[in-house]
Amino acid sequence: MAFIYEQIPEQSFKKIEDVYTWAKNEHEHLARIPIYGILKHGARFLDDEYLGDDNTAFRFNQAGIRSLCSYLGIRLDTLDLLERQNH
């Protein structure tokens, strides 16, 4: 893929309590950031891996980049067709 995204580590659990513990820990490290605000303030793709500006940039996992493409109304495989402009 032309856009580099962060891999999602696979997890397995033996007990439902382990799932709850993992989910609680994961929740403490997650934040929902409205994409509209980022785009409204001039965000752009940086280094084929980040979306943001000179101050703040975000990485995506595969689910996140799919959601972004859906929001923008483009197909995920469209990113494969993009080429970097030569300056």
N, C-alpha and C. Protein backbone atom coordinates (compact mmCIF):
# COMPACT_ATOMS: atom_id res chain seq x y z
N MET A 1 0.84 -1.17 0.00
CA MET A 1 0.00 0.00 0.00
C MET A 1 0.89 1.24 0.00
N ALA A 2 0.46 2.26 -0.70
CA ALA A 2 1.22 3.49 -0.78
C ALA A 2 1.24 4.23 0.55
N PHE A 3 0.22 4.05 1.35
CA PHE A 3 0.15 4.71 2.65
C PHE A 3 0.54 3.70 3.73
N ILE A 4 1.51 4.06 4.55
CA ILE A 4 2.00 3.15 5.59
C ILE A 4 1.10 3.27 6.81
N TYR A 5 0.60 2.16 7.30
CA TYR A 5 -0.23 2.19 8.49
C TYR A 5 0.35 1.27 9.54
N GLU A 6 -0.03 1.53 10.77
CA GLU A 6 0.49 0.78 11.90
C GLU A 6 -0.22 -0.56 12.01
N GLN A 7 0.53 -1.61 12.19
CA GLN A 7 -0.04 -2.95 12.33
C GLN A 7 -0.81 -3.07 13.65
N ILE A 8 -1.87 -3.84 13.63
CA ILE A 8 -2.65 -4.09 14.83
C ILE A 8 -2.17 -5.42 15.41
N PRO A 9 -1.59 -5.39 16.61
CA PRO A 9 -1.11 -6.66 17.19
C PRO A 9 -2.28 -7.59 17.52
N GLU A 10 -2.08 -8.86 17.23
CA GLU A 10 -3.11 -9.85 17.51
C GLU A 10 -3.06 -10.22 18.98
N GLN A 11 -4.22 -10.35 19.59
CA GLN A 11 -4.34 -10.69 21.00
C GLN A 11 -5.21 -11.94 21.14
N SER A 12 -4.90 -12.76 22.11
CA SER A 12 -5.78 -13.88 22.44
C SER A 12 -5.90 -13.95 23.95
N PHE A 13 -7.04 -14.40 24.41
CA PHE A 13 -7.34 -14.42 25.83
C PHE A 13 -7.93 -15.76 26.23
N LYS A 14 -7.63 -16.17 27.44
CA LYS A 14 -8.15 -17.45 27.94
C LYS A 14 -9.44 -17.27 28.74
N LYS A 15 -9.58 -16.08 29.36
CA LYS A 15 -10.75 -15.82 30.20
C LYS A 15 -11.36 -14.48 29.83
N ILE A 16 -12.65 -14.34 30.03
CA ILE A 16 -13.34 -13.09 29.73
C ILE A 16 -12.81 -11.96 30.60
N GLU A 17 -12.37 -12.27 31.80
CA GLU A 17 -11.81 -11.25 32.68
C GLU A 17 -10.55 -10.63 32.07
N ASP A 18 -9.77 -11.46 31.36
CA ASP A 18 -8.57 -10.97 30.70
C ASP A 18 -8.94 -9.98 29.58
N VAL A 19 -10.05 -10.24 28.92
CA VAL A 19 -10.53 -9.33 27.88
C VAL A 19 -10.90 -7.99 28.50
N TYR A 20 -11.63 -8.02 29.61
CA TYR A 20 -12.02 -6.78 30.29
C TYR A 20 -10.81 -5.99 30.75
N THR A 21 -9.81 -6.67 31.30
CA THR A 21 -8.59 -5.99 31.75
C THR A 21 -7.86 -5.36 30.58
N TRP A 22 -7.73 -6.10 29.49
CA TRP A 22 -7.06 -5.56 28.31
C TRP A 22 -7.82 -4.36 27.76
N ALA A 23 -9.13 -4.47 27.66
CA ALA A 23 -9.94 -3.38 27.12
C ALA A 23 -9.83 -2.13 28.00
N LYS A 24 -9.81 -2.31 29.31
CA LYS A 24 -9.68 -1.16 30.22
C LYS A 24 -8.33 -0.48 30.01
N ASN A 25 -7.26 -1.25 29.93
CA ASN A 25 -5.93 -0.69 29.70
C ASN A 25 -5.84 0.01 28.35
N GLU A 26 -6.42 -0.61 27.34
CA GLU A 26 -6.40 -0.03 25.99
C GLU A 26 -7.18 1.28 25.95
N HIS A 27 -8.29 1.31 26.63
CA HIS A 27 -9.15 2.51 26.66
C HIS A 27 -8.40 3.71 27.24
N GLU A 28 -7.51 3.48 28.17
CA GLU A 28 -6.75 4.56 28.79
C GLU A 28 -5.76 5.21 27.82
N HIS A 29 -5.44 4.54 26.72
CA HIS A 29 -4.46 5.05 25.76
C HIS A 29 -5.09 5.51 24.45
N LEU A 30 -6.40 5.48 24.38
CA LEU A 30 -7.09 5.86 23.15
C LEU A 30 -7.75 7.22 23.29
N ALA A 31 -7.86 7.90 22.17
CA ALA A 31 -8.59 9.16 22.13
C ALA A 31 -9.32 9.25 20.80
N ARG A 32 -10.52 9.78 20.83
CA ARG A 32 -11.27 10.03 19.60
C ARG A 32 -11.05 11.49 19.23
N ILE A 33 -10.54 11.69 18.05
CA ILE A 33 -10.26 13.03 17.57
C ILE A 33 -11.07 13.23 16.29
N PRO A 34 -11.98 14.19 16.27
CA PRO A 34 -12.81 14.39 15.07
C PRO A 34 -11.95 14.74 13.86
N ILE A 35 -12.07 13.98 12.81
CA ILE A 35 -11.28 14.18 11.61
C ILE A 35 -11.64 15.48 10.92
N TYR A 36 -12.89 15.92 11.08
CA TYR A 36 -13.31 17.17 10.44
C TYR A 36 -12.44 18.34 10.88
N GLY A 37 -12.16 18.43 12.17
CA GLY A 37 -11.35 19.52 12.69
C GLY A 37 -9.94 19.49 12.14
N ILE A 38 -9.39 18.31 12.00
CA ILE A 38 -8.03 18.16 11.46
C ILE A 38 -8.01 18.61 10.00
N LEU A 39 -8.97 18.16 9.22
CA LEU A 39 -9.02 18.53 7.81
C LEU A 39 -9.31 20.02 7.63
N LYS A 40 -10.17 20.56 8.47
CA LYS A 40 -10.54 21.98 8.39
C LYS A 40 -9.33 22.88 8.61
N HIS A 41 -8.39 22.43 9.41
CA HIS A 41 -7.21 23.23 9.72
C HIS A 41 -6.02 22.93 8.81
N GLY A 42 -6.30 22.37 7.65
CA GLY A 42 -5.25 22.21 6.64
C GLY A 42 -4.38 20.99 6.76
N ALA A 43 -4.90 19.93 7.36
CA ALA A 43 -4.10 18.70 7.47
C ALA A 43 -3.77 18.17 6.08
N ARG A 44 -2.64 17.49 6.02
CA ARG A 44 -2.22 16.87 4.77
C ARG A 44 -1.46 15.58 5.11
N PHE A 45 -1.30 14.73 4.11
CA PHE A 45 -0.53 13.52 4.32
C PHE A 45 0.95 13.87 4.35
N LEU A 46 1.66 13.31 5.31
CA LEU A 46 3.09 13.57 5.47
C LEU A 46 3.85 12.25 5.42
N ASP A 47 4.85 12.18 4.58
CA ASP A 47 5.73 11.01 4.48
C ASP A 47 5.00 9.69 4.27
N ASP A 48 3.86 9.74 3.62
CA ASP A 48 3.07 8.53 3.32
C ASP A 48 2.68 7.74 4.57
N GLU A 49 2.71 8.39 5.72
CA GLU A 49 2.46 7.66 6.96
C GLU A 49 1.60 8.45 7.95
N TYR A 50 1.62 9.74 7.87
CA TYR A 50 0.95 10.58 8.86
C TYR A 50 -0.07 11.50 8.20
N LEU A 51 -1.04 11.94 8.99
CA LEU A 51 -1.98 12.96 8.57
C LEU A 51 -1.93 14.05 9.62
N GLY A 52 -1.67 15.28 9.19
CA GLY A 52 -1.61 16.37 10.14
C GLY A 52 -0.97 17.59 9.54
N ASP A 53 -0.37 18.39 10.41
CA ASP A 53 0.32 19.60 9.97
C ASP A 53 1.72 19.63 10.60
N ASP A 54 2.34 20.78 10.60
CA ASP A 54 3.70 20.87 11.13
C ASP A 54 3.76 20.69 12.64
N ASN A 55 2.63 20.84 13.33
CA ASN A 55 2.61 20.74 14.79
C ASN A 55 2.13 19.40 15.31
N THR A 56 1.14 18.83 14.65
CA THR A 56 0.52 17.59 15.13
C THR A 56 0.26 16.66 13.96
N ALA A 57 0.62 15.39 14.13
CA ALA A 57 0.38 14.41 13.08
C ALA A 57 -0.06 13.10 13.72
N PHE A 58 -0.88 12.36 13.01
CA PHE A 58 -1.45 11.12 13.52
C PHE A 58 -1.12 9.97 12.58
N ARG A 59 -0.93 8.78 13.17
CA ARG A 59 -0.75 7.56 12.41
C ARG A 59 -2.06 6.79 12.46
N PHE A 60 -2.26 5.92 11.51
CA PHE A 60 -3.48 5.13 11.42
C PHE A 60 -3.14 3.65 11.45
N ASN A 61 -4.07 2.85 11.97
CA ASN A 61 -4.01 1.42 11.74
C ASN A 61 -4.88 1.15 10.53
N GLN A 62 -4.97 -0.11 10.12
CA GLN A 62 -5.71 -0.41 8.89
C GLN A 62 -7.19 -0.02 9.00
N ALA A 63 -7.80 -0.27 10.15
CA ALA A 63 -9.20 0.11 10.33
C ALA A 63 -9.35 1.63 10.26
N GLY A 64 -8.41 2.35 10.83
CA GLY A 64 -8.47 3.80 10.82
C GLY A 64 -8.33 4.38 9.43
N ILE A 65 -7.40 3.84 8.64
CA ILE A 65 -7.22 4.37 7.29
C ILE A 65 -8.44 4.03 6.42
N ARG A 66 -9.06 2.87 6.67
CA ARG A 66 -10.30 2.54 5.95
C ARG A 66 -11.40 3.54 6.29
N SER A 67 -11.52 3.87 7.58
CA SER A 67 -12.53 4.84 8.00
C SER A 67 -12.27 6.21 7.39
N LEU A 68 -11.00 6.62 7.35
CA LEU A 68 -10.67 7.90 6.75
C LEU A 68 -11.05 7.91 5.27
N CYS A 69 -10.72 6.86 4.56
CA CYS A 69 -11.08 6.78 3.14
C CYS A 69 -12.60 6.85 2.96
N SER A 70 -13.31 6.14 3.81
CA SER A 70 -14.77 6.16 3.75
C SER A 70 -15.30 7.57 3.97
N TYR A 71 -14.76 8.25 4.97
CA TYR A 71 -15.17 9.62 5.28
C TYR A 71 -14.91 10.55 4.10
N LEU A 72 -13.76 10.36 3.45
CA LEU A 72 -13.39 11.21 2.32
C LEU A 72 -14.07 10.81 1.03
N GLY A 73 -14.76 9.66 1.05
CA GLY A 73 -15.48 9.20 -0.13
C GLY A 73 -14.58 8.60 -1.20
N ILE A 74 -13.45 8.02 -0.77
CA ILE A 74 -12.57 7.35 -1.73
C ILE A 74 -12.39 5.90 -1.30
N ARG A 75 -12.04 5.08 -2.27
CA ARG A 75 -11.79 3.67 -1.97
C ARG A 75 -10.39 3.51 -1.42
N LEU A 76 -10.23 2.57 -0.51
CA LEU A 76 -8.92 2.33 0.09
C LEU A 76 -7.87 2.01 -0.97
N ASP A 77 -8.23 1.24 -1.98
CA ASP A 77 -7.24 0.88 -3.00
C ASP A 77 -6.85 2.08 -3.87
N THR A 78 -7.56 3.19 -3.75
CA THR A 78 -7.16 4.41 -4.45
C THR A 78 -5.81 4.89 -3.95
N LEU A 79 -5.54 4.69 -2.66
CA LEU A 79 -4.24 5.10 -2.12
C LEU A 79 -3.10 4.35 -2.79
N ASP A 80 -3.36 3.13 -3.23
CA ASP A 80 -2.33 2.36 -3.93
C ASP A 80 -1.97 2.99 -5.27
N LEU A 81 -2.92 3.72 -5.84
CA LEU A 81 -2.71 4.30 -7.17
C LEU A 81 -2.04 5.67 -7.12
N LEU A 82 -1.98 6.26 -5.93
CA LEU A 82 -1.39 7.58 -5.82
C LEU A 82 0.13 7.50 -5.95
N GLU A 83 0.67 8.48 -6.58
CA GLU A 83 2.12 8.57 -6.70
C GLU A 83 2.57 9.89 -6.11
N ARG A 84 3.73 9.89 -5.53
CA ARG A 84 4.29 11.11 -4.96
C ARG A 84 4.74 12.03 -6.08
N GLN A 85 4.39 13.31 -5.95
CA GLN A 85 4.83 14.29 -6.95
C GLN A 85 6.31 14.57 -6.78
N ASN A 86 7.00 14.69 -7.88
CA ASN A 86 8.42 15.06 -7.85
C ASN A 86 8.53 16.58 -7.96
N HIS A 87 9.30 17.16 -7.09
CA HIS A 87 9.48 18.62 -7.12
C HIS A 87 10.82 18.95 -7.71
